Amino acid sequence: MNVRSGKNLDKRQPKVRTPNVSKMQEVVIDGKTSIFIDIDADPELARSRYLARLAAR
């Protein structure tokens, strides 16, 4: 705990940078799952990689 002259110093929250979704393309995996990938990326490759990771669980 940081204490200076009897006062607590507030801890700063880390700045979270979220990607700009308007610059990404949506890939629908199934009815309730979709992922966002870079515009230049291959949607079929992204879908197959996602499903492979899901199957590996």
PDB file of N, CA and C in Angstrom:
ATOM      1  N   MET A   1       0.840  -1.177   0.000  1.00  0.00           N
ATOM      2  CA  MET A   1       0.000   0.000   0.000  1.00  0.00           C
ATOM      3  C   MET A   1       0.881   1.234   0.000  1.00  0.00           C
ATOM      4  N   ASN A   2       0.624   2.125  -0.888  1.00  0.00           N
ATOM      5  CA  ASN A   2       1.386   3.357  -0.966  1.00  0.00           C
ATOM      6  C   ASN A   2       0.762   4.407  -0.052  1.00  0.00           C
ATOM      7  N   VAL A   3       1.560   4.872   0.875  1.00  0.00           N
ATOM      8  CA  VAL A   3       1.063   5.889   1.794  1.00  0.00           C
ATOM      9  C   VAL A   3       2.090   7.005   1.861  1.00  0.00           C
ATOM     10  N   ARG A   4       1.631   8.220   1.624  1.00  0.00           N
ATOM     11  CA  ARG A   4       2.482   9.398   1.781  1.00  0.00           C
ATOM     12  C   ARG A   4       1.743  10.399   2.642  1.00  0.00           C
ATOM     13  N   SER A   5       2.337  10.782   3.686  1.00  0.00           N
ATOM     14  CA  SER A   5       1.786  11.763   4.620  1.00  0.00           C
ATOM     15  C   SER A   5       0.334  11.463   4.985  1.00  0.00           C
ATOM     16  N   GLY A   6       0.048  10.177   5.205  1.00  0.00           N
ATOM     17  CA  GLY A   6      -1.270   9.787   5.679  1.00  0.00           C
ATOM     18  C   GLY A   6      -2.342   9.684   4.618  1.00  0.00           C
ATOM     19  N   LYS A   7      -2.017   9.885   3.344  1.00  0.00           N
ATOM     20  CA  LYS A   7      -3.023   9.806   2.280  1.00  0.00           C
ATOM     21  C   LYS A   7      -2.753   8.580   1.408  1.00  0.00           C
ATOM     22  N   ASN A   8      -3.805   7.899   1.040  1.00  0.00           N
ATOM     23  CA  ASN A   8      -3.670   6.771   0.115  1.00  0.00           C
ATOM     24  C   ASN A   8      -3.573   7.310  -1.307  1.00  0.00           C
ATOM     25  N   LEU A   9      -2.646   6.775  -2.058  1.00  0.00           N
ATOM     26  CA  LEU A   9      -2.540   7.155  -3.463  1.00  0.00           C
ATOM     27  C   LEU A   9      -3.385   6.204  -4.292  1.00  0.00           C
ATOM     28  N   ASP A  10      -4.146   6.758  -5.193  1.00  0.00           N
ATOM     29  CA  ASP A  10      -4.969   5.920  -6.064  1.00  0.00           C
ATOM     30  C   ASP A  10      -4.081   5.206  -7.061  1.00  0.00           C
ATOM     31  N   LYS A  11      -4.366   3.937  -7.261  1.00  0.00           N
ATOM     32  CA  LYS A  11      -3.635   3.185  -8.271  1.00  0.00           C
ATOM     33  C   LYS A  11      -4.260   3.489  -9.618  1.00  0.00           C
ATOM     34  N   ARG A  12      -3.436   3.730 -10.594  1.00  0.00           N
ATOM     35  CA  ARG A  12      -3.935   4.015 -11.931  1.00  0.00           C
ATOM     36  C   ARG A  12      -4.288   2.718 -12.636  1.00  0.00           C
ATOM     37  N   GLN A  13      -5.418   2.748 -13.311  1.00  0.00           N
ATOM     38  CA  GLN A  13      -5.833   1.603 -14.093  1.00  0.00           C
ATOM     39  C   GLN A  13      -5.047   1.590 -15.397  1.00  0.00           C
ATOM     40  N   PRO A  14      -4.622   0.418 -15.855  1.00  0.00           N
ATOM     41  CA  PRO A  14      -3.919   0.367 -17.139  1.00  0.00           C
ATOM     42  C   PRO A  14      -4.874   0.763 -18.269  1.00  0.00           C
ATOM     43  N   LYS A  15      -4.337   1.448 -19.253  1.00  0.00           N
ATOM     44  CA  LYS A  15      -5.162   1.853 -20.387  1.00  0.00           C
ATOM     45  C   LYS A  15      -5.346   0.655 -21.313  1.00  0.00           C
ATOM     46  N   VAL A  16      -6.578   0.342 -21.591  1.00  0.00           N
ATOM     47  CA  VAL A  16      -6.907  -0.791 -22.444  1.00  0.00           C
ATOM     48  C   VAL A  16      -7.203  -0.265 -23.837  1.00  0.00           C
ATOM     49  N   ARG A  17      -6.500  -0.792 -24.812  1.00  0.00           N
ATOM     50  CA  ARG A  17      -6.706  -0.377 -26.191  1.00  0.00           C
ATOM     51  C   ARG A  17      -7.508  -1.462 -26.898  1.00  0.00           C
ATOM     52  N   THR A  18      -8.671  -1.103 -27.362  1.00  0.00           N
ATOM     53  CA  THR A  18      -9.502  -2.057 -28.077  1.00  0.00           C
ATOM     54  C   THR A  18      -9.318  -1.859 -29.576  1.00  0.00           C
ATOM     55  N   PRO A  19      -9.382  -2.924 -30.335  1.00  0.00           N
ATOM     56  CA  PRO A  19      -9.205  -2.786 -31.783  1.00  0.00           C
ATOM     57  C   PRO A  19     -10.408  -2.067 -32.406  1.00  0.00           C
ATOM     58  N   ASN A  20     -10.163  -1.411 -33.510  1.00  0.00           N
ATOM     59  CA  ASN A  20     -11.216  -0.724 -34.249  1.00  0.00           C
ATOM     60  C   ASN A  20     -11.950  -1.761 -35.100  1.00  0.00           C
ATOM     61  N   VAL A  21     -13.142  -2.127 -34.676  1.00  0.00           N
ATOM     62  CA  VAL A  21     -13.889  -3.202 -35.327  1.00  0.00           C
ATOM     63  C   VAL A  21     -14.302  -2.805 -36.743  1.00  0.00           C
ATOM     64  N   SER A  22     -14.428  -1.520 -37.002  1.00  0.00           N
ATOM     65  CA  SER A  22     -14.821  -1.102 -38.344  1.00  0.00           C
ATOM     66  C   SER A  22     -13.728  -1.388 -39.371  1.00  0.00           C
ATOM     67  N   LYS A  23     -12.498  -1.615 -38.905  1.00  0.00           N
ATOM     68  CA  LYS A  23     -11.392  -1.932 -39.803  1.00  0.00           C
ATOM     69  C   LYS A  23     -11.112  -3.431 -39.847  1.00  0.00           C
ATOM     70  N   MET A  24     -12.056  -4.236 -39.339  1.00  0.00           N
ATOM     71  CA  MET A  24     -11.896  -5.684 -39.315  1.00  0.00           C
ATOM     72  C   MET A  24     -13.095  -6.308 -40.012  1.00  0.00           C
ATOM     73  N   GLN A  25     -12.957  -7.581 -40.381  1.00  0.00           N
ATOM     74  CA  GLN A  25     -14.084  -8.284 -40.986  1.00  0.00           C
ATOM     75  C   GLN A  25     -14.593  -9.344 -40.031  1.00  0.00           C
ATOM     76  N   GLU A  26     -15.893  -9.530 -40.033  1.00  0.00           N
ATOM     77  CA  GLU A  26     -16.530 -10.497 -39.152  1.00  0.00           C
ATOM     78  C   GLU A  26     -16.585 -11.853 -39.850  1.00  0.00           C
ATOM     79  N   VAL A  27     -16.233 -12.902 -39.101  1.00  0.00           N
ATOM     80  CA  VAL A  27     -16.326 -14.272 -39.605  1.00  0.00           C
ATOM     81  C   VAL A  27     -17.308 -15.009 -38.710  1.00  0.00           C
ATOM     82  N   VAL A  28     -18.393 -15.481 -39.288  1.00  0.00           N
ATOM     83  CA  VAL A  28     -19.414 -16.194 -38.529  1.00  0.00           C
ATOM     84  C   VAL A  28     -19.009 -17.653 -38.430  1.00  0.00           C
ATOM     85  N   ILE A  29     -18.849 -18.123 -37.187  1.00  0.00           N
ATOM     86  CA  ILE A  29     -18.472 -19.521 -36.948  1.00  0.00           C
ATOM     87  C   ILE A  29     -19.721 -20.390 -36.938  1.00  0.00           C
ATOM     88  N   ASP A  30     -20.693 -20.029 -36.127  1.00  0.00           N
ATOM     89  CA  ASP A  30     -21.991 -20.695 -36.114  1.00  0.00           C
ATOM     90  C   ASP A  30     -23.035 -19.643 -35.743  1.00  0.00           C
ATOM     91  N   GLY A  31     -24.232 -20.075 -35.407  1.00  0.00           N
ATOM     92  CA  GLY A  31     -25.324 -19.145 -35.159  1.00  0.00           C
ATOM     93  C   GLY A  31     -25.087 -18.156 -34.036  1.00  0.00           C
ATOM     94  N   LYS A  32     -24.309 -18.531 -33.039  1.00  0.00           N
ATOM     95  CA  LYS A  32     -24.100 -17.628 -31.906  1.00  0.00           C
ATOM     96  C   LYS A  32     -22.643 -17.241 -31.690  1.00  0.00           C
ATOM     97  N   THR A  33     -21.760 -17.635 -32.589  1.00  0.00           N
ATOM     98  CA  THR A  33     -20.344 -17.314 -32.449  1.00  0.00           C
ATOM     99  C   THR A  33     -19.830 -16.631 -33.704  1.00  0.00           C
ATOM    100  N   SER A  34     -19.175 -15.492 -33.504  1.00  0.00           N
ATOM    101  CA  SER A  34     -18.501 -14.826 -34.612  1.00  0.00           C
ATOM    102  C   SER A  34     -17.210 -14.225 -34.086  1.00  0.00           C
ATOM    103  N   ILE A  35     -16.209 -14.166 -34.945  1.00  0.00           N
ATOM    104  CA  ILE A  35     -14.916 -13.600 -34.577  1.00  0.00           C
ATOM    105  C   ILE A  35     -14.582 -12.495 -35.566  1.00  0.00           C
ATOM    106  N   PHE A  36     -13.704 -11.608 -35.161  1.00  0.00           N
ATOM    107  CA  PHE A  36     -13.265 -10.525 -36.026  1.00  0.00           C
ATOM    108  C   PHE A  36     -11.793 -10.716 -36.357  1.00  0.00           C
ATOM    109  N   ILE A  37     -11.479 -10.591 -37.632  1.00  0.00           N
ATOM    110  CA  ILE A  37     -10.108 -10.765 -38.095  1.00  0.00           C
ATOM    111  C   ILE A  37      -9.713  -9.565 -38.937  1.00  0.00           C
ATOM    112  N   ASP A  38      -8.442  -9.467 -39.243  1.00  0.00           N
ATOM    113  CA  ASP A  38      -7.927  -8.394 -40.080  1.00  0.00           C
ATOM    114  C   ASP A  38      -8.562  -8.480 -41.467  1.00  0.00           C
ATOM    115  N   ILE A  39      -8.728  -7.353 -42.098  1.00  0.00           N
ATOM    116  CA  ILE A  39      -9.374  -7.316 -43.410  1.00  0.00           C
ATOM    117  C   ILE A  39      -8.615  -8.150 -44.440  1.00  0.00           C
ATOM    118  N   ASP A  40      -7.291  -8.181 -44.344  1.00  0.00           N
ATOM    119  CA  ASP A  40      -6.483  -8.919 -45.315  1.00  0.00           C
ATOM    120  C   ASP A  40      -6.413 -10.422 -45.038  1.00  0.00           C
ATOM    121  N   ALA A  41      -6.884 -10.877 -43.877  1.00  0.00           N
ATOM    122  CA  ALA A  41      -6.767 -12.285 -43.502  1.00  0.00           C
ATOM    123  C   ALA A  41      -7.818 -13.130 -44.226  1.00  0.00           C
ATOM    124  N   ASP A  42      -7.531 -14.420 -44.324  1.00  0.00           N
ATOM    125  CA  ASP A  42      -8.411 -15.372 -44.997  1.00  0.00           C
ATOM    126  C   ASP A  42      -9.494 -15.861 -44.029  1.00  0.00           C
ATOM    127  N   PRO A  43     -10.774 -15.614 -44.315  1.00  0.00           N
ATOM    128  CA  PRO A  43     -11.839 -16.026 -43.403  1.00  0.00           C
ATOM    129  C   PRO A  43     -11.942 -17.539 -43.223  1.00  0.00           C
ATOM    130  N   GLU A  44     -11.738 -18.304 -44.275  1.00  0.00           N
ATOM    131  CA  GLU A  44     -11.820 -19.767 -44.163  1.00  0.00           C
ATOM    132  C   GLU A  44     -10.709 -20.316 -43.279  1.00  0.00           C
ATOM    133  N   LEU A  45      -9.513 -19.758 -43.406  1.00  0.00           N
ATOM    134  CA  LEU A  45      -8.396 -20.175 -42.559  1.00  0.00           C
ATOM    135  C   LEU A  45      -8.666 -19.819 -41.101  1.00  0.00           C
ATOM    136  N   ALA A  46      -9.203 -18.637 -40.865  1.00  0.00           N
ATOM    137  CA  ALA A  46      -9.519 -18.214 -39.497  1.00  0.00           C
ATOM    138  C   ALA A  46     -10.581 -19.118 -38.886  1.00  0.00           C
ATOM    139  N   ARG A  47     -11.612 -19.464 -39.675  1.00  0.00           N
ATOM    140  CA  ARG A  47     -12.671 -20.345 -39.177  1.00  0.00           C
ATOM    141  C   ARG A  47     -12.113 -21.718 -38.838  1.00  0.00           C
ATOM    142  N   SER A  48     -11.272 -22.277 -39.712  1.00  0.00           N
ATOM    143  CA  SER A  48     -10.720 -23.611 -39.456  1.00  0.00           C
ATOM    144  C   SER A  48      -9.772 -23.603 -38.255  1.00  0.00           C
ATOM    145  N   ARG A  49      -8.992 -22.538 -38.098  1.00  0.00           N
ATOM    146  CA  ARG A  49      -8.100 -22.436 -36.927  1.00  0.00           C
ATOM    147  C   ARG A  49      -8.902 -22.332 -35.643  1.00  0.00           C
ATOM    148  N   TYR A  50      -9.993 -21.565 -35.669  1.00  0.00           N
ATOM    149  CA  TYR A  50     -10.851 -21.435 -34.481  1.00  0.00           C
ATOM    150  C   TYR A  50     -11.458 -22.787 -34.108  1.00  0.00           C
ATOM    151  N   LEU A  51     -11.981 -23.489 -35.098  1.00  0.00           N
ATOM    152  CA  LEU A  51     -12.603 -24.790 -34.820  1.00  0.00           C
ATOM    153  C   LEU A  51     -11.575 -25.809 -34.360  1.00  0.00           C
ATOM    154  N   ALA A  52     -10.342 -25.739 -34.870  1.00  0.00           N
ATOM    155  CA  ALA A  52      -9.284 -26.664 -34.432  1.00  0.00           C
ATOM    156  C   ALA A  52      -8.924 -26.402 -32.963  1.00  0.00           C
ATOM    157  N   ARG A  53      -8.840 -25.152 -32.587  1.00  0.00           N
ATOM    158  CA  ARG A  53      -8.559 -24.828 -31.179  1.00  0.00           C
ATOM    159  C   ARG A  53      -9.692 -25.263 -30.282  1.00  0.00           C
ATOM    160  N   LEU A  54     -10.924 -25.113 -30.760  1.00  0.00           N
ATOM    161  CA  LEU A  54     -12.072 -25.517 -29.981  1.00  0.00           C
ATOM    162  C   LEU A  54     -12.096 -27.030 -29.780  1.00  0.00           C
ATOM    163  N   ALA A  55     -11.722 -27.769 -30.807  1.00  0.00           N
ATOM    164  CA  ALA A  55     -11.706 -29.234 -30.729  1.00  0.00           C
ATOM    165  C   ALA A  55     -10.577 -29.748 -29.840  1.00  0.00           C
ATOM    166  N   ALA A  56      -9.507 -28.952 -29.709  1.00  0.00           N
ATOM    167  CA  ALA A  56      -8.360 -29.381 -28.913  1.00  0.00           C
ATOM    168  C   ALA A  56      -8.612 -29.275 -27.412  1.00  0.00           C
ATOM    169  N   ARG A  57      -9.675 -28.610 -27.026  1.00  0.00           N
ATOM    170  CA  ARG A  57      -9.981 -28.471 -25.595  1.00  0.00           C
ATOM    171  C   ARG A  57     -10.375 -29.754 -24.958  1.00  0.00           C
TER     172      ARG A  57
END
